[in-house]
Amino acid sequence: MKEILDILEKNAKLTVAEVAVLTGLDEKDVSTAIAEYEQDSVILGYKAIINWDKTDTDLITAIIEVKLVPQRDKGFDSIAERIYKYPQVKACWLMSGSYDLSVMIEGKHIKEVAMFVSEKLAVIDGVFSTATHFVLKKYKDGNIIFEGIEKDDREAIVL
């Protein structure tokens, strides 16, 4: 019943009755499926995607490329676990390519992010190097488009 998961991924606020209508399934079947997905950790949680730029809360998002030295018999998992347990870390992914982990963090300002990288992340045994990239503007996140591309209404000057 992938259709149920697709629907909930787009809008987790829908009721069981609404999902049943959209799928053509019985409400009891939808409710049972959702309960099983939650029990089996297919559905891990429900969350709102917030456009923090529309609030009075200042948050900075950074993506950090982390190169690691894998640990014997543990690979990257134990280092990744140490990293993702920090409350600043919002996401942590093992990557293919030129670096090993991609770590997304949030902070109140650039200095807070810099201190996290230098005092917490870079000093972990097995961390070889880091490269920090700051998110300047979000266009789409969690399959949600934040805003259309702003149109520039200024008159062009021809030289």
Protein backbone atom coordinates (compact mmCIF):
# COMPACT_ATOMS: atom_id res chain seq x y z
CA MET A 1 0.00 0.00 0.00
CA LYS A 2 2.67 2.44 -1.10
CA GLU A 3 -0.12 4.81 -2.06
CA ILE A 4 -0.90 5.44 1.63
CA LEU A 5 2.75 6.29 2.30
CA ASP A 6 2.89 8.61 -0.73
CA ILE A 7 -0.20 10.47 0.49
CA LEU A 8 1.03 10.80 4.09
CA GLU A 9 4.46 11.93 2.94
CA LYS A 10 2.84 14.83 1.08
CA ASN A 11 0.39 15.72 3.86
CA ALA A 12 0.56 13.97 7.24
CA LYS A 13 -2.35 16.07 8.54
CA LEU A 14 -4.89 14.09 6.52
CA THR A 15 -7.30 11.99 8.55
CA VAL A 16 -7.71 8.26 8.06
CA ALA A 17 -11.07 8.99 6.42
CA GLU A 18 -9.45 11.40 3.93
CA VAL A 19 -6.69 8.91 3.09
CA ALA A 20 -9.34 6.22 2.60
CA VAL A 21 -11.21 8.43 0.12
CA LEU A 22 -8.01 9.23 -1.79
CA THR A 23 -6.98 5.57 -2.00
CA GLY A 24 -10.42 4.02 -2.42
CA LEU A 25 -9.73 1.76 0.55
CA ASP A 26 -11.82 1.08 3.62
CA GLU A 27 -11.04 3.30 6.63
CA LYS A 28 -10.30 0.25 8.79
CA ASP A 29 -7.78 -1.04 6.22
CA VAL A 30 -6.07 2.37 6.09
CA SER A 31 -5.96 2.61 9.87
CA THR A 32 -4.53 -0.92 10.17
CA ALA A 33 -1.92 -0.23 7.49
CA ILE A 34 -0.80 2.99 9.17
CA ALA A 35 -0.55 1.27 12.56
CA GLU A 36 1.57 -1.51 11.01
CA TYR A 37 3.81 1.02 9.26
CA GLU A 38 4.36 2.79 12.59
CA GLN A 39 4.98 -0.50 14.42
CA ASP A 40 7.48 -1.67 11.77
CA SER A 41 9.30 1.71 11.76
CA VAL A 42 8.34 2.37 8.15
CA ILE A 43 6.69 5.56 9.37
CA LEU A 44 9.19 7.06 11.80
CA GLY A 45 7.30 10.20 12.73
CA TYR A 46 5.27 13.15 11.55
CA LYS A 47 6.57 16.69 11.27
CA ALA A 48 5.80 20.12 9.98
CA ILE A 49 8.16 21.77 7.52
CA ILE A 50 8.67 25.31 8.78
CA ASN A 51 9.73 28.28 6.68
CA TRP A 52 11.78 29.93 9.44
CA ASP A 53 12.39 32.95 7.21
CA LYS A 54 8.72 33.88 7.73
CA THR A 55 9.13 33.95 11.53
CA ASP A 56 11.07 36.16 13.90
CA THR A 57 13.41 33.26 14.70
CA ASP A 58 16.88 33.56 13.22
CA LEU A 59 18.33 30.22 12.17
CA ILE A 60 21.26 29.42 9.97
CA THR A 61 21.52 26.07 8.20
CA ALA A 62 24.85 24.56 7.22
CA ILE A 63 25.76 21.44 5.30
CA ILE A 64 29.09 20.00 6.37
CA GLU A 65 31.09 17.57 4.25
CA VAL A 66 32.98 15.24 6.58
CA LYS A 67 35.84 12.99 5.51
CA LEU A 68 36.43 10.10 7.88
CA VAL A 69 38.96 7.41 8.63
CA PRO A 70 36.77 4.29 9.05
CA GLN A 71 37.22 2.36 12.28
CA ARG A 72 38.21 -1.29 12.25
CA ASP A 73 35.20 -3.63 12.50
CA LYS A 74 32.83 -0.63 12.75
CA GLY A 75 33.33 1.27 9.51
CA PHE A 76 31.66 4.67 9.61
CA ASP A 77 28.68 3.78 11.82
CA SER A 78 30.14 4.51 15.26
CA ILE A 79 31.53 7.89 14.17
CA ALA A 80 28.23 8.78 12.50
CA GLU A 81 26.39 7.85 15.70
CA ARG A 82 28.57 10.19 17.78
CA ILE A 83 27.86 12.98 15.32
CA TYR A 84 24.10 12.56 14.90
CA LYS A 85 23.51 12.54 18.66
CA TYR A 86 24.35 16.26 18.91
CA PRO A 87 21.13 18.32 19.11
CA GLN A 88 22.43 20.76 16.47
CA VAL A 89 22.55 17.93 13.91
CA LYS A 90 19.29 17.79 11.97
CA ALA A 91 20.39 15.17 9.42
CA CYS A 92 23.36 12.90 8.81
CA TRP A 93 23.88 10.81 5.68
CA LEU A 94 26.61 8.40 4.55
CA MET A 95 27.59 9.50 1.05
CA SER A 96 29.39 8.15 -1.97
CA GLY A 97 31.90 10.40 -3.67
CA SER A 98 34.60 12.72 -2.41
CA TYR A 99 33.51 12.80 1.25
CA ASP A 100 31.92 10.28 3.63
CA LEU A 101 29.24 12.03 5.67
CA SER A 102 26.94 14.93 4.89
CA VAL A 103 25.84 16.59 8.11
CA MET A 104 23.12 19.23 8.24
CA ILE A 105 23.10 21.46 11.31
CA GLU A 106 21.22 24.53 12.47
CA GLY A 107 22.45 27.37 14.64
CA LYS A 108 21.51 30.90 15.65
CA HIS A 109 24.45 32.49 13.85
CA ILE A 110 27.60 31.70 11.87
CA LYS A 111 29.80 31.80 14.97
CA GLU A 112 27.67 29.12 16.67
CA VAL A 113 28.01 26.84 13.63
CA ALA A 114 31.75 27.52 13.41
CA MET A 115 32.23 26.70 17.11
CA PHE A 116 30.29 23.44 16.69
CA VAL A 117 32.48 22.41 13.77
CA SER A 118 35.77 23.36 15.43
CA GLU A 119 35.05 22.27 19.01
CA LYS A 120 32.72 19.28 18.60
CA LEU A 121 32.88 17.84 15.10
CA ALA A 122 36.48 18.26 13.92
CA VAL A 123 37.97 16.88 17.15
CA ILE A 124 36.17 13.51 16.97
CA ASP A 125 38.59 10.61 16.51
CA GLY A 126 38.26 9.42 12.94
CA VAL A 127 37.25 12.80 11.49
CA PHE A 128 39.90 13.59 8.87
CA SER A 129 38.54 16.90 7.52
CA THR A 130 35.42 19.05 7.19
CA ALA A 131 34.09 21.58 4.68
CA THR A 132 31.18 23.79 5.75
CA HIS A 133 28.63 25.23 3.33
CA PHE A 134 25.99 27.71 4.49
CA VAL A 135 22.49 27.57 3.04
CA LEU A 136 21.70 31.00 1.63
CA LYS A 137 18.10 30.38 0.57
CA LYS A 138 15.76 27.40 0.55
CA TYR A 139 13.70 26.90 -2.57
CA LYS A 140 12.38 23.39 -1.85
CA ASP A 141 12.66 21.14 1.18
CA GLY A 142 10.85 17.95 2.12
CA ASN A 143 9.10 18.07 -1.27
CA ILE A 144 7.61 21.46 -0.33
CA ILE A 145 8.30 24.51 -2.50
CA PHE A 146 8.98 27.47 -0.23
CA GLU A 147 8.35 30.36 -2.60
CA GLY A 148 8.44 31.06 -6.29
CA ILE A 149 11.54 32.65 -7.71
CA GLU A 150 11.26 36.35 -7.06
CA LYS A 151 10.74 38.36 -10.22
CA ASP A 152 12.98 41.36 -10.70
CA ASP A 153 10.71 44.25 -11.74
CA ARG A 154 13.55 46.76 -12.10
CA GLU A 155 13.91 48.39 -15.47
CA ALA A 156 16.92 47.18 -17.44
CA ILE A 157 19.56 49.78 -18.25
CA VAL A 158 21.07 49.43 -21.68
CA LEU A 159 24.57 50.84 -22.16
